[in-house]
Structure formats: C-alpha cells, structure tokens
Amino acid sequence: MENNSVRDIIKSVDFRFNKALGQNFITDGNLLDAIVADSGICEGDVVVEIGTGAGTLTRAIAKVAKKVYSFEVDSNLRAVLALSLQGVDNAEVIFRDILKMKDDEVREIVQSPFKVVANLPYYITTPLAMRFIESTLDVKSLTIMVQKEVADRFVAKANTADYSAITLAIQMAGDAKITRNVSRNMFFPSPNVDSAVVRIDIDRNKLAGEDFALVHKLVRGAFAMRRKTLANNLSVSLGISKQEATAIIEEAGFAPLVRGEALSLDDYIKLSHVVAKAQIA
C-alpha cells in the first residue's frame, strides 16, 4: 500500500471518523519513515504501537522491526486495516484498550522487552505515557506523537511555565527530547493544533539508591497547588505544619518561600533526604 492511498482505502470501505477518539492519521510517507528513524528501532526490536489507525505507521515500523504488536480501540477499522496491512506478516493488531490492561495481560501478548511507538489521540497522551513510565513492563523507550504544548511540558526546564509534575515524573524514569516538530497539515483529517515527536529513553535505575516513592510523593505534593509556595504544598501532602515544612525546606538549602516549579529533580532528591531524616513521610 502506498501511503497516499490511505484516503482511497478509507473511502472504499466507507469508514467514518470517530471524533471522540481523536482520529488523525499520518499520510506523509517521509514523516512516517522519520518517526521510525527517531525511535531508533533496529532489526531485532519488538515494538508496541498504540493506536493503529489506518495502519500507515504500523507498516512503516514493520519494515524495520522484528515484530509489531499494535493496539487499537476502534474495531470499525478492521476493514481499513485488512487492506492497508495486506502482506505485512510481522504486524499483529490487537483490538483492546491498553490503558485498561494490566501489566500481566500485556506480558501475555508481548513476551519480550519492547519499544513503544505511537501517534496518540491527544486526549490520552499523558495517561498513556505514564501508563508505561510507571509500569513494571520492560519498556526500552517511548517515541510518541503528541500535541506541541504537551511536548513542551515533557521536556521543560525548572522555573519555566511548562515545567510540571509530569516533567519530573518523566525525568525520574528516563530522558526525554523533542526529535521533530510536525505541522497539522501532515494528518488526515487535519487536527486544530500542531504536533511534535517526543522520544523518552527509559532508565529504571536512574534513581537507584534513592527512595523513589518518597521523591514521587514530594513532586506530586509540590505541584498540587501551583500558585502556592512549596511550604504550603508540603504541609498538606506530608500532614505537617507550615512551620515544620519551612524548616525542612531551609535545611535542604532552599529559600523559605520557594515554589515547587523552581526545584530540579536533583533538588527534590536532596529534599527527600531531609524529609527521610526527619522521619515525617
């Protein structure tokens, strides 16, 4: 199947787009190949794709990967995929919602380490990313197409408007970078926003030797109320007085009125040491 025939296939089977599922399919062959290149997929890799769509990205991945397991929630795409993936023997489409599957259920299907590649519906971008980042699955990396403003949050630096708890959650599990920006005109139908491809390389040992759960708790608490000071937020999340929270912050070497968005991951690790020492959390 040539990528420019996707529209013809969709029309031939009378497929109707489901706006609720945020369906925007990539039709540009150069972009498809670029996403595969960005993901670093090699000949022996197993890939999990989220959102098969019209199968254009699936087909591009399958040219390089050993095996592709593609998860799709819209069973109405069966007729489209029967045509678009015709002759692709190393791709398997699973019509299930991977967000609702347990890790063990995924392992029953994908029985080896894998890389995730996805052109995601924008409404599930963050939960989908966190589903793999916080899972027990052997995920090597995630290469995902997301809304541009979400991509900016994923890779933001401390003390910027885009910096958030999701930024730090990703940093705790790996390293993220934007590999390319993508115009809305590269999709069919065209979305209302521009996109970007983000690659997250997973490192489960990044916080080895640290209290991961405590650092995670401090990060979540620090961003619970963004306009509040870190002391205010920590007093709530840790169940202590504001005075106690301020004392901990100062002992860690930070200003008493500092806000959560001013601290880097290393700063939160330092803060966790002081909290652990005080035997609060």
Protein backbone atom coordinates (compact mmCIF):
# COMPACT_ATOMS: atom_id res chain seq x y z
CA MET A 1 0.00 0.00 0.00
CA GLU A 2 1.32 3.45 -0.89
CA ASN A 3 0.74 5.96 1.90
CA ASN A 4 -1.08 8.33 -0.42
CA SER A 5 -3.76 5.66 -0.99
CA VAL A 6 -4.98 5.79 2.61
CA ARG A 7 -7.74 8.22 1.71
CA ASP A 8 -8.88 5.88 -1.07
CA ILE A 9 -8.95 2.88 1.26
CA ILE A 10 -10.92 4.79 3.90
CA LYS A 11 -13.37 5.92 1.26
CA SER A 12 -13.69 2.46 -0.30
CA VAL A 13 -14.81 0.83 2.97
CA ASP A 14 -16.97 3.79 3.97
CA PHE A 15 -15.10 4.30 7.24
CA ARG A 16 -16.47 7.12 9.41
CA PHE A 17 -14.07 9.02 11.64
CA ASN A 18 -14.88 9.00 15.34
CA LYS A 19 -14.24 12.49 16.72
CA ALA A 20 -14.49 11.18 20.28
CA LEU A 21 -11.41 9.00 19.63
CA GLY A 22 -9.33 11.87 18.24
CA GLN A 23 -8.54 10.06 14.99
CA ASN A 24 -5.98 11.88 12.83
CA PHE A 25 -4.00 9.59 10.53
CA ILE A 26 -0.49 10.28 9.17
CA THR A 27 -0.36 10.03 5.38
CA ASP A 28 3.04 11.53 4.58
CA GLY A 29 5.50 8.70 3.85
CA ASN A 30 8.59 10.77 4.65
CA LEU A 31 7.18 11.65 8.08
CA LEU A 32 6.36 8.00 8.81
CA ASP A 33 9.92 6.95 7.99
CA ALA A 34 11.28 9.85 10.07
CA ILE A 35 9.29 8.77 13.14
CA VAL A 36 10.63 5.24 12.80
CA ALA A 37 14.17 6.63 12.49
CA ASP A 38 13.64 8.86 15.55
CA SER A 39 12.56 5.82 17.58
CA GLY A 40 15.88 4.07 16.97
CA ILE A 41 14.15 0.81 16.03
CA CYS A 42 16.57 -1.90 14.91
CA GLU A 43 16.06 -5.14 13.02
CA GLY A 44 15.72 -7.30 16.13
CA ASP A 45 13.38 -4.99 18.05
CA VAL A 46 9.87 -5.78 19.23
CA VAL A 47 7.58 -2.75 19.04
CA VAL A 48 4.29 -1.95 20.73
CA GLU A 49 2.28 0.59 18.76
CA ILE A 50 -0.62 2.39 20.43
CA GLY A 51 -3.37 3.47 18.07
CA THR A 52 -3.10 1.50 14.83
CA GLY A 53 -5.31 3.97 13.00
CA ALA A 54 -5.18 3.35 9.26
CA GLY A 55 -2.03 1.25 9.65
CA THR A 56 0.35 3.65 7.92
CA LEU A 57 2.76 3.95 10.85
CA THR A 58 2.33 0.24 11.61
CA ARG A 59 3.50 -0.60 8.11
CA ALA A 60 6.50 1.74 8.35
CA ILE A 61 7.55 0.21 11.69
CA ALA A 62 7.15 -3.32 10.35
CA LYS A 63 9.66 -2.61 7.58
CA VAL A 64 12.38 -2.32 10.24
CA ALA A 65 11.24 -4.15 13.39
CA LYS A 66 11.22 -7.86 14.09
CA LYS A 67 7.61 -7.78 15.35
CA VAL A 68 4.90 -5.15 15.84
CA TYR A 69 2.05 -5.52 18.31
CA SER A 70 -0.41 -2.74 17.53
CA PHE A 71 -3.23 -1.92 19.95
CA GLU A 72 -6.38 -0.24 18.63
CA VAL A 73 -9.66 0.57 20.40
CA ASP A 74 -11.80 1.17 17.29
CA SER A 75 -12.91 -2.17 15.86
CA ASN A 76 -14.55 -0.30 12.99
CA LEU A 77 -11.05 -0.03 11.48
CA ARG A 78 -10.88 -3.78 10.76
CA ALA A 79 -11.86 -3.34 7.11
CA VAL A 80 -9.38 -0.49 6.61
CA LEU A 81 -6.54 -2.47 8.20
CA ALA A 82 -7.32 -5.61 6.23
CA LEU A 83 -6.41 -3.61 3.13
CA SER A 84 -3.70 -1.28 4.44
CA LEU A 85 -1.71 -4.04 6.19
CA GLN A 86 -2.17 -6.63 3.47
CA GLY A 87 1.11 -8.53 3.05
CA VAL A 88 2.58 -7.32 6.36
CA ASP A 89 3.29 -10.60 8.14
CA ASN A 90 5.17 -9.31 11.20
CA ALA A 91 2.42 -6.99 12.49
CA GLU A 92 -0.40 -8.12 14.76
CA VAL A 93 -3.35 -5.84 15.53
CA ILE A 94 -4.98 -6.29 18.94
CA PHE A 95 -8.36 -4.60 19.31
CA ARG A 96 -8.07 -3.76 23.01
CA ASP A 97 -7.59 -0.63 25.12
CA ILE A 98 -4.09 -0.97 26.55
CA LEU A 99 -4.87 1.69 29.16
CA LYS A 100 -7.33 -0.75 30.70
CA MET A 101 -5.00 -3.75 30.57
CA LYS A 102 -2.90 -4.93 33.50
CA ASP A 103 0.84 -5.41 33.06
CA ASP A 104 0.47 -9.19 33.21
CA GLU A 105 -2.13 -9.07 30.43
CA VAL A 106 0.29 -7.13 28.23
CA ARG A 107 3.09 -9.61 29.05
CA GLU A 108 0.92 -12.49 27.87
CA ILE A 109 0.88 -10.89 24.43
CA VAL A 110 4.30 -9.18 24.32
CA GLN A 111 6.73 -11.61 25.91
CA SER A 112 9.98 -9.69 25.44
CA PRO A 113 11.43 -6.20 26.03
CA PHE A 114 9.91 -3.67 23.65
CA LYS A 115 9.87 -0.11 22.36
CA VAL A 116 6.68 1.93 22.21
CA VAL A 117 5.84 3.99 19.12
CA ALA A 118 2.56 5.85 18.83
CA ASN A 119 0.63 8.57 17.06
CA LEU A 120 -1.57 9.21 20.06
CA PRO A 121 -5.02 10.72 20.31
CA TYR A 122 -4.22 13.90 22.21
CA TYR A 123 -6.73 13.28 25.00
CA ILE A 124 -4.82 10.19 26.24
CA THR A 125 -1.26 11.46 25.78
CA THR A 126 -0.32 11.97 29.42
CA PRO A 127 -2.10 8.92 30.91
CA LEU A 128 -0.66 6.73 28.14
CA ALA A 129 2.89 7.98 28.70
CA MET A 130 2.56 7.49 32.45
CA ARG A 131 0.99 4.05 31.95
CA PHE A 132 4.33 2.84 30.55
CA ILE A 133 6.68 5.02 32.58
CA GLU A 134 5.19 3.83 35.88
CA SER A 135 4.61 0.22 34.80
CA THR A 136 6.62 -2.89 35.62
CA LEU A 137 6.89 -3.73 31.91
CA ASP A 138 10.31 -3.96 30.24
CA VAL A 139 9.95 -0.84 28.11
CA LYS A 140 13.11 0.45 26.44
CA SER A 141 11.74 3.71 25.06
CA LEU A 142 8.65 5.64 24.03
CA THR A 143 8.54 7.59 20.77
CA ILE A 144 5.21 9.36 20.60
CA MET A 145 3.47 12.00 18.52
CA VAL A 146 1.85 14.49 20.87
CA GLN A 147 0.36 17.96 20.84
CA LYS A 148 3.16 20.54 20.68
CA GLU A 149 2.30 22.15 24.01
CA VAL A 150 2.33 18.74 25.71
CA ALA A 151 5.75 18.00 24.19
CA ASP A 152 7.00 21.28 25.65
CA ARG A 153 5.82 20.17 29.10
CA PHE A 154 7.51 16.80 28.75
CA VAL A 155 10.95 18.39 28.18
CA ALA A 156 10.59 21.63 30.16
CA LYS A 157 13.26 23.10 32.42
CA ALA A 158 12.77 24.21 36.02
CA ASN A 159 11.42 27.74 36.55
CA THR A 160 9.52 27.82 33.27
CA ALA A 161 5.77 27.95 32.66
CA ASP A 162 5.74 24.46 31.08
CA TYR A 163 7.58 22.78 33.98
CA SER A 164 5.24 20.45 35.87
CA ALA A 165 4.87 17.22 37.82
CA ILE A 166 4.74 15.26 34.55
CA THR A 167 8.11 16.76 33.55
CA LEU A 168 9.68 15.44 36.74
CA ALA A 169 7.88 12.08 36.54
CA ILE A 170 9.47 11.55 33.13
CA GLN A 171 12.89 12.67 34.41
CA MET A 172 12.63 10.16 37.25
CA ALA A 173 12.23 7.32 34.77
CA GLY A 174 14.40 8.41 31.86
CA ASP A 175 15.39 11.17 29.48
CA ALA A 176 13.09 12.98 27.05
CA LYS A 177 13.77 15.06 23.96
CA ILE A 178 11.73 16.52 21.11
CA THR A 179 13.00 14.94 17.90
CA ARG A 180 10.91 16.99 15.47
CA ASN A 181 8.00 19.40 15.17
CA VAL A 182 5.14 18.36 12.90
CA SER A 183 2.66 20.58 11.06
CA ARG A 184 -1.05 19.86 11.39
CA ASN A 185 -1.13 19.56 7.59
CA MET A 186 0.64 16.18 7.81
CA PHE A 187 -2.53 14.46 9.05
CA PHE A 188 -5.85 13.33 7.62
CA PRO A 189 -8.11 14.79 8.76
CA SER A 190 -6.06 17.77 9.97
CA PRO A 191 -6.21 18.48 13.71
CA ASN A 192 -6.58 22.01 15.06
CA VAL A 193 -3.10 22.09 16.59
CA ASP A 194 0.50 21.40 15.62
CA SER A 195 2.33 18.38 16.98
CA ALA A 196 5.77 17.15 17.94
CA VAL A 197 7.51 13.81 18.21
CA VAL A 198 8.98 13.09 21.65
CA ARG A 199 11.35 10.26 22.46
CA ILE A 200 11.69 9.10 26.07
CA ASP A 201 14.50 6.65 26.77
CA ILE A 202 13.58 4.64 29.87
CA ASP A 203 16.11 4.01 32.64
CA ARG A 204 14.58 2.11 35.55
CA ASN A 205 17.80 2.54 37.54
CA LYS A 206 18.02 6.31 37.25
CA LEU A 207 17.09 6.79 40.91
CA ALA A 208 18.85 3.65 42.14
CA GLY A 209 19.71 4.02 45.81
CA GLU A 210 17.09 6.73 46.35
CA ASP A 211 13.63 6.45 47.89
CA PHE A 212 11.69 6.62 44.61
CA ALA A 213 8.27 6.59 46.31
CA LEU A 214 9.22 9.48 48.58
CA VAL A 215 10.63 11.60 45.75
CA HIS A 216 7.47 10.91 43.75
CA LYS A 217 5.29 11.91 46.72
CA LEU A 218 7.22 15.18 47.18
CA VAL A 219 6.92 16.05 43.49
CA ARG A 220 3.18 15.37 43.39
CA GLY A 221 2.64 17.37 46.55
CA ALA A 222 4.76 20.29 45.37
CA PHE A 223 2.60 20.79 42.27
CA ALA A 224 -0.77 20.08 43.88
CA MET A 225 -1.50 23.81 44.08
CA ARG A 226 0.79 25.52 41.59
CA ARG A 227 0.38 29.08 42.89
CA LYS A 228 1.20 28.08 46.45
CA THR A 229 4.68 28.02 47.96
CA LEU A 230 6.46 24.70 48.40
CA ALA A 231 6.00 25.03 52.17
CA ASN A 232 2.22 25.35 51.79
CA ASN A 233 2.01 22.36 49.47
CA LEU A 234 4.30 20.12 51.52
CA SER A 235 2.46 20.90 54.74
CA VAL A 236 -0.67 19.48 53.11
CA SER A 237 0.92 16.49 51.36
CA LEU A 238 3.05 15.48 54.36
CA GLY A 239 0.46 16.32 57.02
CA ILE A 240 2.73 18.70 58.93
CA SER A 241 2.57 22.36 59.92
CA LYS A 242 3.74 25.09 57.57
CA GLN A 243 6.48 25.93 60.08
CA GLU A 244 7.77 22.34 60.00
CA ALA A 245 7.64 22.31 56.20
CA THR A 246 9.56 25.60 56.05
CA ALA A 247 12.22 24.25 58.40
CA ILE A 248 12.72 21.18 56.17
CA ILE A 249 12.97 23.35 53.04
CA GLU A 250 15.56 25.61 54.64
CA GLU A 251 17.57 22.65 55.95
CA ALA A 252 17.69 21.33 52.37
CA GLY A 253 19.23 24.66 51.33
CA PHE A 254 16.27 26.38 49.69
CA ALA A 255 14.61 29.74 50.32
CA PRO A 256 11.56 29.52 52.64
CA LEU A 257 9.21 30.98 50.02
CA VAL A 258 10.45 28.87 47.10
CA ARG A 259 7.83 27.34 44.80
CA GLY A 260 7.83 23.74 43.59
CA GLU A 261 8.50 24.69 39.97
CA ALA A 262 11.85 26.20 40.95
CA LEU A 263 13.35 22.87 42.03
CA SER A 264 15.11 20.41 39.73
CA LEU A 265 14.98 16.64 40.11
CA ASP A 266 18.29 16.72 41.99
CA ASP A 267 16.75 19.30 44.33
CA TYR A 268 13.80 17.01 45.08
CA ILE A 269 16.19 14.16 45.79
CA LYS A 270 18.05 16.42 48.22
CA LEU A 271 14.74 17.40 49.82
CA SER A 272 13.78 13.72 50.17
CA HIS A 273 16.94 13.10 52.20
CA VAL A 274 15.95 15.78 54.71
CA VAL A 275 12.36 14.52 54.92
CA ALA A 276 13.56 10.95 55.45
CA LYS A 277 15.96 12.11 58.14
CA ALA A 278 13.09 13.90 59.92
CA GLN A 279 11.06 10.66 59.72
CA ILE A 280 7.96 12.52 58.51
CA ALA A 281 6.78 10.76 55.35
